[in-house]
Amino acid sequence: MSEHYSHDTIRAVSFSDGVLRLLDQRRLPFEEVYVDCRDSDAVAAAIRDLVVRGAPAIGIAAAWGVVIEVVGGTCPLTPLENWLRDRGGAAGYTGGFVEHYLVPVLYPADLTREAQIALATAALAVNAVVYVRLYLRRSGIGFS
């Protein structure tokens, strides 16, 4: 065994059997505790909750979350919802929760390019108004 590996007794990030294992850095130096991430939501929570820290470790964790999404990992709510639908006598659905509920709302079938541009313009205008008001209020010029 090389000298490098003989000193590598704690791994901040490891991947095995579809599970990303992250060293919970909030618990260091008193405990060596790991958090297992099985989907992109768990990875995002680990990054948000500072389980994983440091640019390299965050980059690895985020990349793993992207891979799970790209290869078609399912939302953990989908199997539960399909089970509940089956128990209630309703038909389940294929795909994921996001695809079934959110995509049709965000991208309706009859949404035209002109409507997309109009909605984007409205969103930018609302954001501009909000940020200008915040800037003016913080600079002491605010509206009464």
C-alpha atoms as a PDB file:
ATOM      1  CA  MET A   1       0.000   0.000   0.000  1.00  0.00           C
ATOM      2  CA  SER A   2       1.339   3.422  -0.842  1.00  0.00           C
ATOM      3  CA  GLU A   3       2.068   5.935   1.870  1.00  0.00           C
ATOM      4  CA  HIS A   4      -0.656   8.229   0.450  1.00  0.00           C
ATOM      5  CA  TYR A   5      -3.434   5.673   1.022  1.00  0.00           C
ATOM      6  CA  SER A   6      -2.182   4.564   4.415  1.00  0.00           C
ATOM      7  CA  HIS A   7      -2.939   8.059   5.725  1.00  0.00           C
ATOM      8  CA  ASP A   8      -6.327   8.371   3.995  1.00  0.00           C
ATOM      9  CA  THR A   9      -8.523   6.938   6.752  1.00  0.00           C
ATOM     10  CA  ILE A  10     -11.429   9.395   6.420  1.00  0.00           C
ATOM     11  CA  ARG A  11     -13.116  10.065   3.080  1.00  0.00           C
ATOM     12  CA  ALA A  12     -15.204  13.239   2.744  1.00  0.00           C
ATOM     13  CA  VAL A  13     -17.001  11.895  -0.342  1.00  0.00           C
ATOM     14  CA  SER A  14     -17.520   8.337  -1.570  1.00  0.00           C
ATOM     15  CA  PHE A  15     -19.904   6.598  -3.953  1.00  0.00           C
ATOM     16  CA  SER A  16     -21.003   2.964  -3.830  1.00  0.00           C
ATOM     17  CA  ASP A  17     -24.084   1.014  -4.952  1.00  0.00           C
ATOM     18  CA  GLY A  18     -25.888   4.133  -6.157  1.00  0.00           C
ATOM     19  CA  VAL A  19     -25.446   5.982  -2.858  1.00  0.00           C
ATOM     20  CA  LEU A  20     -23.347   9.101  -2.409  1.00  0.00           C
ATOM     21  CA  ARG A  21     -21.865   9.071   1.098  1.00  0.00           C
ATOM     22  CA  LEU A  22     -20.845  12.447   2.504  1.00  0.00           C
ATOM     23  CA  LEU A  23     -18.870  13.061   5.668  1.00  0.00           C
ATOM     24  CA  ASP A  24     -21.071  15.293   7.842  1.00  0.00           C
ATOM     25  CA  GLN A  25     -18.606  18.097   8.403  1.00  0.00           C
ATOM     26  CA  ARG A  26     -20.859  19.781  10.972  1.00  0.00           C
ATOM     27  CA  ARG A  27     -20.021  16.954  13.386  1.00  0.00           C
ATOM     28  CA  LEU A  28     -16.234  17.183  13.046  1.00  0.00           C
ATOM     29  CA  PRO A  29     -13.851  16.943  14.862  1.00  0.00           C
ATOM     30  CA  PHE A  30     -15.706  15.099  17.622  1.00  0.00           C
ATOM     31  CA  GLU A  31     -17.650  12.542  15.562  1.00  0.00           C
ATOM     32  CA  GLU A  32     -17.208  10.775  12.236  1.00  0.00           C
ATOM     33  CA  VAL A  33     -20.766  10.620  10.876  1.00  0.00           C
ATOM     34  CA  TYR A  34     -21.798  10.065   7.258  1.00  0.00           C
ATOM     35  CA  VAL A  35     -24.942  11.147   5.411  1.00  0.00           C
ATOM     36  CA  ASP A  36     -26.180   8.861   2.616  1.00  0.00           C
ATOM     37  CA  CYS A  37     -27.717  10.625  -0.394  1.00  0.00           C
ATOM     38  CA  ARG A  38     -29.849   8.521  -2.704  1.00  0.00           C
ATOM     39  CA  ASP A  39     -31.291  11.288  -4.868  1.00  0.00           C
ATOM     40  CA  SER A  40     -30.640  14.849  -5.974  1.00  0.00           C
ATOM     41  CA  ASP A  41     -32.928  16.297  -3.293  1.00  0.00           C
ATOM     42  CA  ALA A  42     -30.797  14.699  -0.580  1.00  0.00           C
ATOM     43  CA  VAL A  43     -27.651  16.099  -2.198  1.00  0.00           C
ATOM     44  CA  ALA A  44     -29.170  19.587  -2.392  1.00  0.00           C
ATOM     45  CA  ALA A  45     -30.200  19.359   1.272  1.00  0.00           C
ATOM     46  CA  ALA A  46     -26.679  18.261   2.261  1.00  0.00           C
ATOM     47  CA  ILE A  47     -25.177  21.249   0.457  1.00  0.00           C
ATOM     48  CA  ARG A  48     -27.775  23.663   1.868  1.00  0.00           C
ATOM     49  CA  ASP A  49     -27.402  22.337   5.425  1.00  0.00           C
ATOM     50  CA  LEU A  50     -23.574  22.519   5.226  1.00  0.00           C
ATOM     51  CA  VAL A  51     -23.120  18.774   5.640  1.00  0.00           C
ATOM     52  CA  VAL A  52     -20.579  19.063   2.847  1.00  0.00           C
ATOM     53  CA  ARG A  53     -18.208  22.027   2.731  1.00  0.00           C
ATOM     54  CA  GLY A  54     -15.445  23.254   0.496  1.00  0.00           C
ATOM     55  CA  ALA A  55     -15.563  23.847  -3.229  1.00  0.00           C
ATOM     56  CA  PRO A  56     -14.237  20.428  -4.321  1.00  0.00           C
ATOM     57  CA  ALA A  57     -16.640  18.460  -2.130  1.00  0.00           C
ATOM     58  CA  ILE A  58     -19.608  20.680  -3.030  1.00  0.00           C
ATOM     59  CA  GLY A  59     -18.709  20.365  -6.715  1.00  0.00           C
ATOM     60  CA  ILE A  60     -18.587  16.569  -6.498  1.00  0.00           C
ATOM     61  CA  ALA A  61     -21.874  16.434  -4.591  1.00  0.00           C
ATOM     62  CA  ALA A  62     -23.617  18.791  -7.015  1.00  0.00           C
ATOM     63  CA  ALA A  63     -22.299  16.863 -10.020  1.00  0.00           C
ATOM     64  CA  TRP A  64     -23.696  13.658  -8.558  1.00  0.00           C
ATOM     65  CA  GLY A  65     -27.105  15.327  -8.146  1.00  0.00           C
ATOM     66  CA  VAL A  66     -27.029  16.375 -11.800  1.00  0.00           C
ATOM     67  CA  VAL A  67     -26.113  12.843 -12.886  1.00  0.00           C
ATOM     68  CA  ILE A  68     -29.059  11.406 -10.949  1.00  0.00           C
ATOM     69  CA  GLU A  69     -31.387  13.841 -12.715  1.00  0.00           C
ATOM     70  CA  VAL A  70     -29.887  13.152 -16.154  1.00  0.00           C
ATOM     71  CA  VAL A  71     -30.132   9.370 -15.848  1.00  0.00           C
ATOM     72  CA  GLY A  72     -33.766   9.675 -14.843  1.00  0.00           C
ATOM     73  CA  GLY A  73     -33.859   9.268 -11.099  1.00  0.00           C
ATOM     74  CA  THR A  74     -37.455   9.476  -9.928  1.00  0.00           C
ATOM     75  CA  CYS A  75     -38.947  11.838  -7.401  1.00  0.00           C
ATOM     76  CA  PRO A  76     -39.422   9.939  -4.126  1.00  0.00           C
ATOM     77  CA  LEU A  77     -43.036  11.153  -4.003  1.00  0.00           C
ATOM     78  CA  THR A  78     -44.025   9.369  -7.231  1.00  0.00           C
ATOM     79  CA  PRO A  79     -44.036   5.771  -5.926  1.00  0.00           C
ATOM     80  CA  LEU A  80     -45.839   6.897  -2.769  1.00  0.00           C
ATOM     81  CA  GLU A  81     -48.461   8.801  -4.744  1.00  0.00           C
ATOM     82  CA  ASN A  82     -48.989   5.910  -7.159  1.00  0.00           C
ATOM     83  CA  TRP A  83     -49.396   3.535  -4.212  1.00  0.00           C
ATOM     84  CA  LEU A  84     -51.950   5.866  -2.603  1.00  0.00           C
ATOM     85  CA  ARG A  85     -53.794   6.267  -5.926  1.00  0.00           C
ATOM     86  CA  ASP A  86     -53.917   2.490  -6.313  1.00  0.00           C
ATOM     87  CA  ARG A  87     -55.269   2.103  -2.767  1.00  0.00           C
ATOM     88  CA  GLY A  88     -57.923   4.742  -3.557  1.00  0.00           C
ATOM     89  CA  GLY A  89     -58.970   3.035  -6.779  1.00  0.00           C
ATOM     90  CA  ALA A  90     -57.445   5.655  -9.103  1.00  0.00           C
ATOM     91  CA  ALA A  91     -54.946   4.982 -11.867  1.00  0.00           C
ATOM     92  CA  GLY A  92     -51.309   5.799 -11.256  1.00  0.00           C
ATOM     93  CA  TYR A  93     -49.084   7.451 -13.830  1.00  0.00           C
ATOM     94  CA  THR A  94     -45.704   6.906 -15.395  1.00  0.00           C
ATOM     95  CA  GLY A  95     -42.862   9.377 -15.154  1.00  0.00           C
ATOM     96  CA  GLY A  96     -42.245  11.572 -12.171  1.00  0.00           C
ATOM     97  CA  PHE A  97     -44.216  13.934  -9.961  1.00  0.00           C
ATOM     98  CA  VAL A  98     -42.567  16.991 -11.518  1.00  0.00           C
ATOM     99  CA  GLU A  99     -43.284  15.839 -15.069  1.00  0.00           C
ATOM    100  CA  HIS A 100     -46.875  14.964 -14.225  1.00  0.00           C
ATOM    101  CA  TYR A 101     -47.854  18.089 -12.279  1.00  0.00           C
ATOM    102  CA  LEU A 102     -45.399  20.933 -12.820  1.00  0.00           C
ATOM    103  CA  VAL A 103     -44.307  20.652 -16.451  1.00  0.00           C
ATOM    104  CA  PRO A 104     -47.883  21.025 -17.805  1.00  0.00           C
ATOM    105  CA  VAL A 105     -48.340  24.145 -15.657  1.00  0.00           C
ATOM    106  CA  LEU A 106     -44.993  25.671 -16.595  1.00  0.00           C
ATOM    107  CA  TYR A 107     -45.163  24.658 -20.261  1.00  0.00           C
ATOM    108  CA  PRO A 108     -48.815  24.316 -21.330  1.00  0.00           C
ATOM    109  CA  ALA A 109     -49.346  22.689 -24.720  1.00  0.00           C
ATOM    110  CA  ASP A 110     -50.967  25.794 -26.221  1.00  0.00           C
ATOM    111  CA  LEU A 111     -48.313  28.238 -25.002  1.00  0.00           C
ATOM    112  CA  THR A 112     -47.149  30.234 -28.012  1.00  0.00           C
ATOM    113  CA  ARG A 113     -43.771  31.916 -28.485  1.00  0.00           C
ATOM    114  CA  GLU A 114     -45.476  35.325 -28.259  1.00  0.00           C
ATOM    115  CA  ALA A 115     -47.068  34.378 -24.938  1.00  0.00           C
ATOM    116  CA  GLN A 116     -43.681  33.189 -23.622  1.00  0.00           C
ATOM    117  CA  ILE A 117     -42.118  36.538 -24.555  1.00  0.00           C
ATOM    118  CA  ALA A 118     -44.991  38.469 -22.975  1.00  0.00           C
ATOM    119  CA  LEU A 119     -44.712  36.460 -19.727  1.00  0.00           C
ATOM    120  CA  ALA A 120     -40.925  36.862 -19.618  1.00  0.00           C
ATOM    121  CA  THR A 121     -41.266  40.617 -20.185  1.00  0.00           C
ATOM    122  CA  ALA A 122     -43.853  40.878 -17.405  1.00  0.00           C
ATOM    123  CA  ALA A 123     -41.605  38.912 -15.025  1.00  0.00           C
ATOM    124  CA  LEU A 124     -38.641  41.173 -15.817  1.00  0.00           C
ATOM    125  CA  ALA A 125     -40.774  44.295 -15.336  1.00  0.00           C
ATOM    126  CA  VAL A 126     -42.062  43.112 -11.947  1.00  0.00           C
ATOM    127  CA  ASN A 127     -38.510  42.267 -10.843  1.00  0.00           C
ATOM    128  CA  ALA A 128     -37.234  45.656 -12.015  1.00  0.00           C
ATOM    129  CA  VAL A 129     -39.963  47.485 -10.065  1.00  0.00           C
ATOM    130  CA  VAL A 130     -39.268  45.466  -6.911  1.00  0.00           C
ATOM    131  CA  TYR A 131     -35.488  45.989  -7.087  1.00  0.00           C
ATOM    132  CA  VAL A 132     -35.783  49.710  -7.840  1.00  0.00           C
ATOM    133  CA  ARG A 133     -38.138  50.161  -4.892  1.00  0.00           C
ATOM    134  CA  LEU A 134     -35.774  48.230  -2.600  1.00  0.00           C
ATOM    135  CA  TYR A 135     -32.804  50.269  -3.803  1.00  0.00           C
ATOM    136  CA  LEU A 136     -34.643  53.555  -3.279  1.00  0.00           C
ATOM    137  CA  ARG A 137     -35.876  52.517   0.151  1.00  0.00           C
ATOM    138  CA  ARG A 138     -32.396  51.462   1.292  1.00  0.00           C
ATOM    139  CA  SER A 139     -30.807  54.606  -0.064  1.00  0.00           C
ATOM    140  CA  GLY A 140     -33.287  56.760   1.862  1.00  0.00           C
ATOM    141  CA  ILE A 141     -35.193  57.989  -1.185  1.00  0.00           C
ATOM    142  CA  GLY A 142     -38.023  55.472  -0.629  1.00  0.00           C
ATOM    143  CA  PHE A 143     -41.688  55.951  -1.340  1.00  0.00           C
ATOM    144  CA  SER A 144     -43.947  57.012   1.500  1.00  0.00           C
END
